Amino acid sequence: MAASTSPADLSAALVLQPVAALDWLVILPAVWCIAIGALLMMIRHKGWLQPLIAVAALAVLVVLDAALLWHVAGSGPVTMVMGRWLPPFGIAFTADLTGALFALMSAVVAFAGAVAAIGDINASGRRYGFYPFLMLLMAGVSGAFLTGDVFNLYVWFEVLLISSFGLLVLGSEREQIDGAVKYGFLNLVATTLFLITTGYLYGIFGTLNMADIARKAPGLQTLAPLVTLTALYILAFSMKAAAFPLNFWLPASYHTPRIVVSALFAGLLTKVGIYGLIRICAMLFPAEREQLGLVLAVVAALTMLTGTLGALAQTDTRRLLGYLVISGIGAMLAGLALGGSDAIGGVIFYALHSMLVMTALYLAAGLAARLSGGFSLAGAGGLYRHHLLFTALSLMLFFAVSGLPPFSGFWPKVMLVKAAIDAGVSWLASILLLSGFLTMIATGRVFLLAYWRPVDAELAATPEPLDATALLPLMVLTALSVVIGLFPETLMNLAQQAASALSEPSAYLNSVFPAGGAP
């Protein structure tokens, strides 16, 4: 038989048209971070050059993510598939408003952390890889926020997890090794559960593409155990986000590394877990989330109370802040438990606020420790006498994390409380308000003891000036919190649009399957 000479029709399997220039923004954040991380590894012996390159690279990352957010806000979700294969066969990167917002805020936080690290990370820390680890951490974080594939979400989790191990043990002190063991063990358990559940997902759906799963899930609700699948994902991501009852690892480990590392962890890592929960609960399996709503609400309430009561019991500011991170996770879980566009919009807004403010609070705690000689509240005091600007910045951050106006924490708390009242779950609204009140007491106690309380002149430390690299990141992050609090409309509208797009993901699906279908 003669061989056919007709050309093969590749249009059913491959993308044939050239990629639009702006669409490359979808993958540039992760690629850029990996490339700069590799470069920093090659010049790791030139410690003086490392922070200059890293700070400049993270500034570029902020610009890239801002451009991506602008592109997505104007044109809708954008998809790029690796190897030109059409989805669901090719590995997809899909940026929507939710992913772009998270990616931009993470870049801002990382940039502030890199500037603060100039004064916090010594020559040994630079030589042993702080800045390469930071860039690879950001590659994992950016990839997790922008991937459109569940298995690759797991892969990017692994990238950021391995990088975080390196940052956590940097310095090799006994306390750091102890914290790394606790941090590593539970995160590895959560990652293993994530991988097993993803295998279960593939067995049910035959695909790992998020858009394809979202299309197929409604038709499988009576044919497959999707509630069990959703519960397993909630468990895995809740472990990573430090939700009750598996939150003990966070306050046991976040106080052990350098303070700038703790700041980055508080701002970024638990929020990746929250992002995973948003994807699973709001876009992929909303009906199953509704069935698990009461369980999520109870877990959220216990997480909030555990966090705030734990913070009240602490005398070490780093441990106290770790419990405040947990309390914020509980507030976000409350929004996920409620469901609906308004509540999910509150979750997104709260997550962005928490990334900003918790990073700033850890940086402020590091500066307070430098000025007072340690992190213990017992030996602190009198900071306002010599550092009025720093005291004012810290007080504004305490107000922000407590959810007081006119700062960034006020509006998402209002959105969540209103969503709870509208849903008829008044007890959850009460716990949201109670957690804010208890947070205000915990942070007020820190302010009274560490800043306002006078100290004996003979015991007072010699006043130390704060250089620009120490104060500037704190000033920028605090200013952003104030600006968001005073002018919340833009971010609130974006968060609500992002939530609506998750609840009705037709634009997301059309971005991945523009022809309306896939093989």
Protein backbone atom coordinates (compact mmCIF):
# COMPACT_ATOMS: atom_id res chain seq x y z
CA MET A 1 0.00 0.00 0.00
CA ALA A 2 1.36 3.37 -0.91
CA ALA A 3 2.16 5.68 1.94
CA SER A 4 -0.16 8.63 2.32
CA THR A 5 1.34 11.90 1.15
CA SER A 6 -1.28 14.12 2.75
CA PRO A 7 0.17 16.28 5.55
CA ALA A 8 -0.81 15.41 9.10
CA ASP A 9 -3.32 17.73 10.72
CA LEU A 10 -1.51 18.94 13.80
CA SER A 11 -4.13 21.50 14.77
CA ALA A 12 -5.98 18.92 16.88
CA ALA A 13 -2.94 18.33 19.10
CA LEU A 14 -0.61 21.33 18.91
CA VAL A 15 -0.79 25.08 19.20
CA LEU A 16 0.24 26.34 15.77
CA GLN A 17 -0.17 30.09 16.05
CA PRO A 18 2.64 32.16 17.62
CA VAL A 19 2.34 33.15 21.26
CA ALA A 20 1.40 36.79 21.87
CA ALA A 21 4.24 38.76 23.42
CA LEU A 22 2.29 39.72 26.56
CA ASP A 23 1.30 36.10 27.18
CA TRP A 24 4.93 35.27 27.99
CA LEU A 25 4.34 37.14 31.25
CA VAL A 26 2.59 34.01 32.53
CA ILE A 27 5.81 32.02 32.85
CA LEU A 28 8.39 34.79 33.15
CA PRO A 29 8.18 35.17 36.97
CA ALA A 30 9.13 31.53 37.63
CA VAL A 31 11.73 31.41 34.83
CA TRP A 32 13.28 34.69 35.94
CA CYS A 33 13.63 33.54 39.55
CA ILE A 34 15.21 30.22 38.54
CA ALA A 35 17.68 31.95 36.21
CA ILE A 36 18.74 34.51 38.83
CA GLY A 37 18.98 31.79 41.47
CA ALA A 38 21.34 29.82 39.24
CA LEU A 39 23.42 32.95 38.59
CA LEU A 40 23.70 33.66 42.31
CA MET A 41 24.81 30.09 42.92
CA MET A 42 27.63 30.53 40.40
CA ILE A 43 28.89 33.69 42.13
CA ARG A 44 28.23 32.55 45.70
CA HIS A 45 31.80 33.43 46.70
CA LYS A 46 31.21 37.10 45.89
CA GLY A 47 29.12 37.95 48.92
CA TRP A 48 29.15 41.70 48.30
CA LEU A 49 27.56 41.24 44.88
CA GLN A 50 24.79 38.83 45.90
CA PRO A 51 22.40 41.33 47.58
CA LEU A 52 22.79 43.83 44.75
CA ILE A 53 21.79 41.30 42.12
CA ALA A 54 19.00 39.80 44.23
CA VAL A 55 17.42 43.13 45.14
CA ALA A 56 17.54 44.29 41.50
CA ALA A 57 16.13 40.95 40.30
CA LEU A 58 13.25 41.07 42.77
CA ALA A 59 12.49 44.64 41.72
CA VAL A 60 12.20 43.31 38.17
CA LEU A 61 9.96 40.51 39.48
CA VAL A 62 7.62 43.11 40.99
CA VAL A 63 7.42 44.83 37.59
CA LEU A 64 6.78 41.53 35.79
CA ASP A 65 3.99 40.55 38.19
CA ALA A 66 2.47 44.04 38.05
CA ALA A 67 2.45 43.84 34.25
CA LEU A 68 0.87 40.38 34.43
CA LEU A 69 -1.87 41.66 36.75
CA TRP A 70 -2.53 44.58 34.41
CA HIS A 71 -2.71 42.22 31.43
CA VAL A 72 -5.04 39.77 33.17
CA ALA A 73 -7.27 42.53 34.56
CA GLY A 74 -7.67 43.98 31.08
CA SER A 75 -7.79 40.84 28.93
CA GLY A 76 -8.98 38.08 31.22
CA PRO A 77 -7.17 34.85 32.16
CA VAL A 78 -4.13 33.96 30.07
CA THR A 79 -2.88 30.44 29.37
CA MET A 80 0.41 29.13 28.00
CA VAL A 81 0.87 25.39 27.43
CA MET A 82 4.33 23.83 27.50
CA GLY A 83 5.68 22.11 24.40
CA ARG A 84 2.92 23.57 22.19
CA TRP A 85 0.65 20.65 23.16
CA LEU A 86 -2.99 21.52 23.52
CA PRO A 87 -4.47 21.03 26.99
CA PRO A 88 -5.18 18.84 28.81
CA PHE A 89 -2.11 16.99 27.49
CA GLY A 90 0.37 19.84 27.74
CA ILE A 91 1.32 21.32 31.10
CA ALA A 92 -0.57 24.58 31.40
CA PHE A 93 0.32 27.82 33.13
CA THR A 94 -2.85 29.85 33.60
CA ALA A 95 -2.90 33.28 35.21
CA ASP A 96 -6.20 34.68 36.42
CA LEU A 97 -6.87 37.57 38.79
CA THR A 98 -6.44 35.39 41.88
CA GLY A 99 -3.05 34.02 40.85
CA ALA A 100 -1.81 37.37 39.57
CA LEU A 101 -2.78 39.19 42.78
CA PHE A 102 -1.05 36.59 44.94
CA ALA A 103 2.04 36.61 42.71
CA LEU A 104 2.37 40.41 42.82
CA MET A 105 2.00 40.65 46.59
CA SER A 106 4.51 37.84 47.08
CA ALA A 107 7.02 39.70 44.89
CA VAL A 108 6.53 42.90 46.92
CA VAL A 109 7.09 40.98 50.15
CA ALA A 110 10.19 39.23 48.79
CA PHE A 111 11.65 42.53 47.57
CA ALA A 112 11.20 44.08 51.02
CA GLY A 113 12.75 40.99 52.60
CA ALA A 114 15.76 41.11 50.29
CA VAL A 115 16.41 44.76 51.21
CA ALA A 116 16.06 43.99 54.92
CA ALA A 117 18.44 41.02 54.54
CA ILE A 118 21.27 43.38 53.57
CA GLY A 119 21.62 44.23 57.25
CA ASP A 120 20.38 40.95 58.71
CA ILE A 121 22.29 38.30 56.77
CA ASN A 122 26.03 38.26 57.42
CA ALA A 123 28.84 37.22 55.09
CA SER A 124 28.55 33.58 56.13
CA GLY A 125 24.85 33.52 55.35
CA ARG A 126 25.48 35.02 51.93
CA ARG A 127 28.25 32.55 51.20
CA TYR A 128 26.09 29.58 52.13
CA GLY A 129 23.22 30.54 49.89
CA PHE A 130 20.67 32.90 51.41
CA TYR A 131 20.02 34.79 48.18
CA PRO A 132 19.99 31.76 45.85
CA PHE A 133 17.59 30.04 48.25
CA LEU A 134 15.43 33.16 48.29
CA MET A 135 15.22 33.29 44.50
CA LEU A 136 14.38 29.58 44.27
CA LEU A 137 11.78 30.04 46.99
CA MET A 138 10.21 32.76 44.87
CA ALA A 139 10.34 30.49 41.83
CA GLY A 140 8.31 27.92 43.76
CA VAL A 141 5.87 30.51 45.10
CA SER A 142 5.39 32.15 41.69
CA GLY A 143 4.98 28.80 39.95
CA ALA A 144 2.40 27.65 42.51
CA PHE A 145 0.32 30.79 41.99
CA LEU A 146 0.45 30.64 38.20
CA THR A 147 0.25 26.95 37.33
CA GLY A 148 -2.91 25.52 35.81
CA ASP A 149 -2.05 21.90 36.61
CA VAL A 150 -2.61 20.17 39.95
CA PHE A 151 0.47 17.97 39.74
CA ASN A 152 2.66 20.94 38.91
CA LEU A 153 1.17 22.75 41.89
CA TYR A 154 2.66 19.86 43.87
CA VAL A 155 5.98 20.27 42.05
CA TRP A 156 6.17 23.98 42.83
CA PHE A 157 5.29 23.20 46.43
CA GLU A 158 8.33 20.91 46.49
CA VAL A 159 10.55 23.65 45.04
CA LEU A 160 9.54 26.17 47.69
CA LEU A 161 9.70 23.54 50.43
CA ILE A 162 13.27 22.51 49.60
CA SER A 163 14.31 26.16 49.40
CA SER A 164 12.67 26.87 52.74
CA PHE A 165 14.66 24.02 54.33
CA GLY A 166 17.85 25.70 53.20
CA LEU A 167 16.77 29.08 54.57
CA LEU A 168 15.61 27.56 57.84
CA VAL A 169 18.92 25.86 58.72
CA LEU A 170 21.13 28.68 57.44
CA GLY A 171 23.56 29.20 60.30
CA SER A 172 23.37 25.60 61.61
CA GLU A 173 22.58 26.60 65.18
CA ARG A 174 21.09 24.00 67.50
CA GLU A 175 17.78 25.84 67.76
CA GLN A 176 17.53 26.05 63.97
CA ILE A 177 18.12 22.33 63.50
CA ASP A 178 15.42 21.57 66.07
CA GLY A 179 12.97 23.91 64.34
CA ALA A 180 13.83 22.48 60.92
CA VAL A 181 13.06 18.92 62.08
CA LYS A 182 9.59 19.92 63.29
CA TYR A 183 8.94 22.06 60.24
CA GLY A 184 10.24 19.46 57.82
CA PHE A 185 8.47 16.44 59.30
CA LEU A 186 4.92 17.78 59.18
CA ASN A 187 5.42 19.49 55.82
CA LEU A 188 6.74 16.26 54.32
CA VAL A 189 3.70 14.42 55.69
CA ALA A 190 1.43 17.07 54.15
CA THR A 191 3.30 16.91 50.85
CA THR A 192 3.03 13.11 50.78
CA LEU A 193 -0.71 13.34 51.43
CA PHE A 194 -0.97 15.95 48.66
CA LEU A 195 0.78 13.62 46.21
CA ILE A 196 -1.33 10.59 47.16
CA THR A 197 -4.51 12.63 46.79
CA THR A 198 -3.34 13.89 43.40
CA GLY A 199 -2.89 10.29 42.28
CA TYR A 200 -6.43 9.61 43.49
CA LEU A 201 -7.59 12.66 41.53
CA TYR A 202 -5.96 11.41 38.34
CA GLY A 203 -7.53 8.00 38.81
CA ILE A 204 -10.98 9.60 38.95
CA PHE A 205 -10.66 12.27 36.25
CA GLY A 206 -7.91 11.01 33.95
CA THR A 207 -6.49 14.53 33.86
CA LEU A 208 -4.64 16.95 36.14
CA ASN A 209 -5.46 20.13 34.26
CA MET A 210 -7.46 22.40 36.59
CA ALA A 211 -9.78 23.69 33.87
CA ASP A 212 -10.49 20.17 32.64
CA ILE A 213 -11.23 19.02 36.20
CA ALA A 214 -13.57 21.98 36.76
CA ARG A 215 -15.47 21.04 33.58
CA LYS A 216 -15.80 17.37 34.45
CA ALA A 217 -16.49 17.58 38.19
CA PRO A 218 -20.24 18.40 38.00
CA GLY A 219 -20.87 15.30 35.89
CA LEU A 220 -19.05 13.01 38.34
CA GLN A 221 -20.69 14.12 41.58
CA THR A 222 -22.88 11.01 41.77
CA LEU A 223 -20.32 8.66 40.22
CA ALA A 224 -17.15 9.31 42.22
CA PRO A 225 -16.27 10.01 45.88
CA LEU A 226 -15.52 13.69 45.29
CA VAL A 227 -16.33 14.70 48.88
CA THR A 228 -13.61 12.34 50.11
CA LEU A 229 -11.20 13.71 47.52
CA THR A 230 -11.97 17.29 48.54
CA ALA A 231 -11.59 16.44 52.23
CA LEU A 232 -8.14 14.95 51.59
CA TYR A 233 -7.03 18.08 49.73
CA ILE A 234 -8.40 20.28 52.51
CA LEU A 235 -6.45 18.24 55.05
CA ALA A 236 -3.20 18.43 53.05
CA PHE A 237 -3.42 22.18 52.40
CA SER A 238 -4.61 22.90 55.95
CA MET A 239 -1.51 21.19 57.31
CA LYS A 240 0.64 23.42 55.12
CA ALA A 241 -1.35 26.49 56.15
CA ALA A 242 -0.99 25.61 59.86
CA ALA A 243 -4.70 25.16 60.61
CA PHE A 244 -5.99 23.54 63.80
CA PRO A 245 -5.17 20.92 65.06
CA LEU A 246 -1.97 20.55 63.01
CA ASN A 247 -0.62 24.04 63.65
CA PHE A 248 1.90 23.25 66.37
CA TRP A 249 4.80 23.12 63.93
CA LEU A 250 4.59 26.82 63.03
CA PRO A 251 5.28 28.48 66.41
CA ALA A 252 7.81 25.73 67.10
CA SER A 253 9.86 26.55 64.00
CA TYR A 254 9.25 30.12 62.76
CA HIS A 255 11.14 31.62 65.71
CA THR A 256 14.35 29.74 65.00
CA PRO A 257 15.89 31.20 61.77
CA ARG A 258 17.14 34.70 61.07
CA ILE A 259 14.33 37.18 61.53
CA VAL A 260 14.17 38.10 57.83
CA VAL A 261 13.68 34.41 57.02
CA SER A 262 10.86 34.23 59.58
CA ALA A 263 9.33 37.32 57.98
CA LEU A 264 9.39 35.76 54.52
CA PHE A 265 7.96 32.49 55.80
CA ALA A 266 5.13 34.29 57.64
CA GLY A 267 4.30 36.34 54.58
CA LEU A 268 4.54 33.63 51.93
CA LEU A 269 4.48 29.98 52.89
CA THR A 270 1.18 29.57 54.71
CA LYS A 271 -0.48 31.73 52.03
CA VAL A 272 0.47 29.20 49.37
CA GLY A 273 -1.50 26.66 51.37
CA ILE A 274 -4.46 29.08 51.50
CA TYR A 275 -4.15 29.62 47.75
CA GLY A 276 -4.36 25.86 47.21
CA LEU A 277 -7.50 25.72 49.36
CA ILE A 278 -9.05 28.57 47.35
CA ARG A 279 -8.42 26.71 44.09
CA ILE A 280 -9.79 23.42 45.39
CA CYS A 281 -12.77 24.76 47.33
CA ALA A 282 -13.88 27.70 45.21
CA MET A 283 -13.14 26.59 41.65
CA LEU A 284 -12.71 22.84 41.36
CA PHE A 285 -15.10 21.38 43.95
CA PRO A 286 -17.49 24.09 45.20
CA ALA A 287 -20.39 21.68 45.73
CA GLU A 288 -18.23 19.35 47.81
CA ARG A 289 -16.89 22.32 49.80
CA GLU A 290 -20.48 23.23 50.63
CA GLN A 291 -21.03 19.78 52.10
CA LEU A 292 -17.89 20.20 54.22
CA GLY A 293 -18.75 23.78 55.18
CA LEU A 294 -19.61 23.09 58.82
CA VAL A 295 -16.40 21.12 59.38
CA LEU A 296 -14.39 23.95 57.80
CA ALA A 297 -16.20 26.51 59.95
CA VAL A 298 -15.41 24.61 63.17
CA VAL A 299 -11.76 24.22 62.14
CA ALA A 300 -11.63 27.94 61.30
CA ALA A 301 -13.05 28.94 64.68
CA LEU A 302 -10.66 26.68 66.60
CA THR A 303 -7.73 27.95 64.51
CA MET A 304 -8.61 31.58 65.29
CA LEU A 305 -9.02 30.91 69.01
CA THR A 306 -5.87 28.78 69.23
CA GLY A 307 -3.89 31.51 67.53
CA THR A 308 -5.11 34.44 69.61
CA LEU A 309 -5.03 32.63 72.95
CA GLY A 310 -1.57 31.28 72.13
CA ALA A 311 -0.39 34.80 71.33
CA LEU A 312 -1.68 36.07 74.69
CA ALA A 313 0.40 33.43 76.48
CA GLN A 314 3.75 34.29 74.86
CA THR A 315 6.64 36.31 76.24
CA ASP A 316 8.82 35.89 73.12
CA THR A 317 7.72 38.22 70.32
CA ARG A 318 8.67 35.77 67.58
CA ARG A 319 6.49 33.01 69.06
CA LEU A 320 3.70 35.52 69.61
CA LEU A 321 3.78 36.52 65.96
CA GLY A 322 3.72 32.86 64.95
CA TYR A 323 0.42 32.46 66.76
CA LEU A 324 -0.93 35.59 65.06
CA VAL A 325 -0.11 33.98 61.71
CA ILE A 326 -2.23 31.00 62.79
CA SER A 327 -5.10 33.27 63.85
CA GLY A 328 -5.10 34.91 60.42
CA ILE A 329 -5.23 31.50 58.76
CA GLY A 330 -8.35 30.79 60.79
CA ALA A 331 -10.02 33.96 59.49
CA MET A 332 -9.29 32.91 55.91
CA LEU A 333 -10.64 29.42 56.55
CA ALA A 334 -13.82 31.03 57.87
CA GLY A 335 -14.35 32.69 54.49
CA LEU A 336 -13.75 29.40 52.70
CA ALA A 337 -16.27 27.71 54.99
CA LEU A 338 -18.90 30.31 54.11
CA GLY A 339 -18.30 30.13 50.36
CA GLY A 340 -19.89 32.52 47.89
CA SER A 341 -18.24 35.35 46.02
CA ASP A 342 -18.39 37.84 48.89
CA ALA A 343 -16.73 35.51 51.37
CA ILE A 344 -14.09 34.27 48.92
CA GLY A 345 -13.35 37.90 48.01
CA GLY A 346 -12.79 38.53 51.72
CA VAL A 347 -10.42 35.55 51.87
CA ILE A 348 -8.36 36.86 48.95
CA PHE A 349 -8.25 40.39 50.40
CA TYR A 350 -7.33 39.06 53.85
CA ALA A 351 -4.57 36.86 52.43
CA LEU A 352 -3.00 39.79 50.57
CA HIS A 353 -3.21 41.95 53.70
CA SER A 354 -1.70 39.19 55.83
CA MET A 355 1.23 38.69 53.44
CA LEU A 356 2.03 42.38 53.75
CA VAL A 357 1.47 42.95 57.46
CA MET A 358 2.88 39.72 58.90
CA THR A 359 6.12 40.22 56.96
CA ALA A 360 6.35 43.76 58.30
CA LEU A 361 5.61 42.65 61.87
CA TYR A 362 8.44 40.13 61.86
CA LEU A 363 10.81 42.75 60.48
CA ALA A 364 9.66 45.12 63.22
CA ALA A 365 10.23 42.41 65.84
CA GLY A 366 13.79 41.96 64.56
CA LEU A 367 14.50 45.68 64.83
CA ALA A 368 12.98 45.81 68.32
CA ALA A 369 15.19 42.91 69.37
CA ARG A 370 18.25 44.67 67.96
CA LEU A 371 17.41 47.81 69.94
CA SER A 372 16.44 46.15 73.21
CA GLY A 373 18.87 43.24 73.22
CA GLY A 374 16.51 40.32 72.63
CA PHE A 375 13.05 39.03 71.80
CA SER A 376 11.88 38.58 75.38
CA LEU A 377 9.23 41.01 76.57
CA ALA A 378 10.62 40.73 80.10
CA GLY A 379 13.80 42.60 79.21
CA ALA A 380 12.34 45.09 76.72
CA GLY A 381 11.08 48.60 77.23
CA GLY A 382 11.49 52.27 76.48
CA LEU A 383 11.79 52.00 72.71
CA TYR A 384 9.55 55.01 72.10
CA ARG A 385 12.00 57.33 73.91
CA HIS A 386 14.79 56.89 71.38
CA HIS A 387 13.02 55.65 68.23
CA LEU A 388 9.76 57.51 67.78
CA LEU A 389 9.40 56.76 64.04
CA PHE A 390 9.98 53.06 64.56
CA THR A 391 7.50 53.06 67.43
CA ALA A 392 4.87 54.74 65.25
CA LEU A 393 5.41 52.20 62.46
CA SER A 394 5.07 49.31 64.90
CA LEU A 395 1.89 50.74 66.40
CA MET A 396 0.32 51.07 62.95
CA LEU A 397 1.17 47.44 62.19
CA PHE A 398 -0.37 46.36 65.51
CA PHE A 399 -3.57 48.18 64.54
CA ALA A 400 -3.49 46.59 61.06
CA VAL A 401 -3.12 43.01 62.27
CA SER A 402 -5.92 43.60 64.80
CA GLY A 403 -8.27 44.67 62.03
CA LEU A 404 -8.65 48.27 63.16
CA PRO A 405 -9.30 51.19 60.78
CA PRO A 406 -7.86 52.88 58.85
CA PHE A 407 -5.44 50.05 58.01
CA SER A 408 -5.49 47.14 55.56
CA GLY A 409 -6.78 44.55 58.03
CA PHE A 410 -10.06 46.35 58.63
CA TRP A 411 -11.75 45.86 55.26
CA PRO A 412 -11.27 42.11 54.74
CA LYS A 413 -12.44 41.51 58.31
CA VAL A 414 -15.57 43.56 57.54
CA MET A 415 -16.13 41.54 54.36
CA LEU A 416 -15.83 38.25 56.22
CA VAL A 417 -18.06 39.30 59.12
CA LYS A 418 -20.71 40.61 56.72
CA ALA A 419 -20.58 37.37 54.70
CA ALA A 420 -21.03 35.34 57.90
CA ILE A 421 -24.01 37.44 59.02
CA ASP A 422 -25.61 37.28 55.55
CA ALA A 423 -25.19 33.49 55.58
CA GLY A 424 -26.87 33.27 58.99
CA VAL A 425 -23.71 31.98 60.71
CA SER A 426 -23.64 34.57 63.47
CA TRP A 427 -21.50 32.45 65.78
CA LEU A 428 -18.68 32.48 63.23
CA ALA A 429 -19.02 36.26 62.83
CA SER A 430 -18.75 36.56 66.62
CA ILE A 431 -15.54 34.52 66.68
CA LEU A 432 -14.08 36.65 63.87
CA LEU A 433 -14.74 39.75 65.98
CA LEU A 434 -13.50 38.07 69.16
CA SER A 435 -10.24 37.04 67.48
CA GLY A 436 -9.67 40.65 66.41
CA PHE A 437 -10.31 41.84 69.97
CA LEU A 438 -7.93 39.28 71.47
CA THR A 439 -5.31 40.15 68.84
CA MET A 440 -5.62 43.79 69.87
CA ILE A 441 -5.00 42.80 73.50
CA ALA A 442 -1.97 40.67 72.56
CA THR A 443 -0.36 43.37 70.42
CA GLY A 444 -1.30 46.08 72.92
CA ARG A 445 0.55 44.10 75.57
CA VAL A 446 3.63 44.00 73.35
CA PHE A 447 3.43 47.75 72.78
CA LEU A 448 3.05 48.54 76.48
CA LEU A 449 5.89 46.27 77.58
CA ALA A 450 8.40 46.69 74.76
CA TYR A 451 7.77 50.26 73.66
CA TRP A 452 5.93 52.28 76.28
CA ARG A 453 7.19 50.85 79.58
CA PRO A 454 10.11 52.87 80.97
CA VAL A 455 13.27 51.00 81.91
CA ASP A 456 15.85 51.66 84.58
CA ALA A 457 18.54 53.98 83.23
CA GLU A 458 21.25 51.64 84.44
CA LEU A 459 19.74 48.67 82.59
CA ALA A 460 18.75 50.49 79.41
CA ALA A 461 20.69 49.57 76.30
CA THR A 462 22.65 52.26 74.53
CA PRO A 463 20.41 53.78 71.84
CA GLU A 464 21.33 52.45 68.41
CA PRO A 465 20.54 54.31 65.19
CA LEU A 466 18.59 52.39 62.56
CA ASP A 467 20.07 52.50 59.06
CA ALA A 468 18.07 52.91 55.87
CA THR A 469 18.18 49.22 54.91
CA ALA A 470 16.55 48.40 58.24
CA LEU A 471 13.83 51.04 58.26
CA LEU A 472 13.03 51.41 54.56
CA PRO A 473 11.38 47.98 54.02
CA LEU A 474 9.33 48.48 57.17
CA MET A 475 8.27 51.95 56.08
CA VAL A 476 7.25 50.75 52.61
CA LEU A 477 5.21 47.79 53.88
CA THR A 478 3.52 49.90 56.55
CA ALA A 479 2.76 52.64 54.00
CA LEU A 480 1.14 50.07 51.73
CA SER A 481 -1.03 48.87 54.61
CA VAL A 482 -2.11 52.46 55.31
CA VAL A 483 -2.81 53.20 51.63
CA ILE A 484 -4.86 50.02 51.25
CA GLY A 485 -6.78 50.91 54.40
CA LEU A 486 -7.52 54.47 53.28
CA PHE A 487 -8.24 53.63 49.64
CA PRO A 488 -9.47 50.02 49.62
CA GLU A 489 -11.73 50.26 46.56
CA THR A 490 -9.24 49.07 43.95
CA LEU A 491 -7.99 46.03 45.82
CA MET A 492 -11.46 45.20 47.11
CA ASN A 493 -12.91 45.31 43.60
CA LEU A 494 -10.09 43.15 42.24
CA ALA A 495 -10.55 40.63 45.05
CA GLN A 496 -14.30 40.47 44.45
CA GLN A 497 -13.80 40.11 40.68
CA ALA A 498 -11.29 37.32 41.34
CA ALA A 499 -13.75 35.56 43.63
CA SER A 500 -16.56 35.87 41.08
CA ALA A 501 -14.30 34.42 38.40
CA LEU A 502 -13.56 31.45 40.65
CA SER A 503 -17.25 30.86 41.35
CA GLU A 504 -18.09 31.12 37.64
CA PRO A 505 -14.87 30.02 35.92
CA SER A 506 -16.08 30.24 32.31
CA ALA A 507 -13.39 32.80 31.41
CA TYR A 508 -10.73 30.54 32.96
CA LEU A 509 -12.04 27.54 31.01
CA ASN A 510 -12.20 29.50 27.77
CA SER A 511 -8.61 30.58 28.26
CA VAL A 512 -7.48 26.96 28.48
CA PHE A 513 -9.93 25.56 25.92
CA PRO A 514 -10.69 28.46 23.58
CA ALA A 515 -12.47 26.20 21.08
CA GLY A 516 -14.88 25.13 23.80
CA GLY A 517 -13.68 21.58 24.05
CA ALA A 518 -10.73 19.24 24.41
CA PRO A 519 -10.08 15.68 23.35
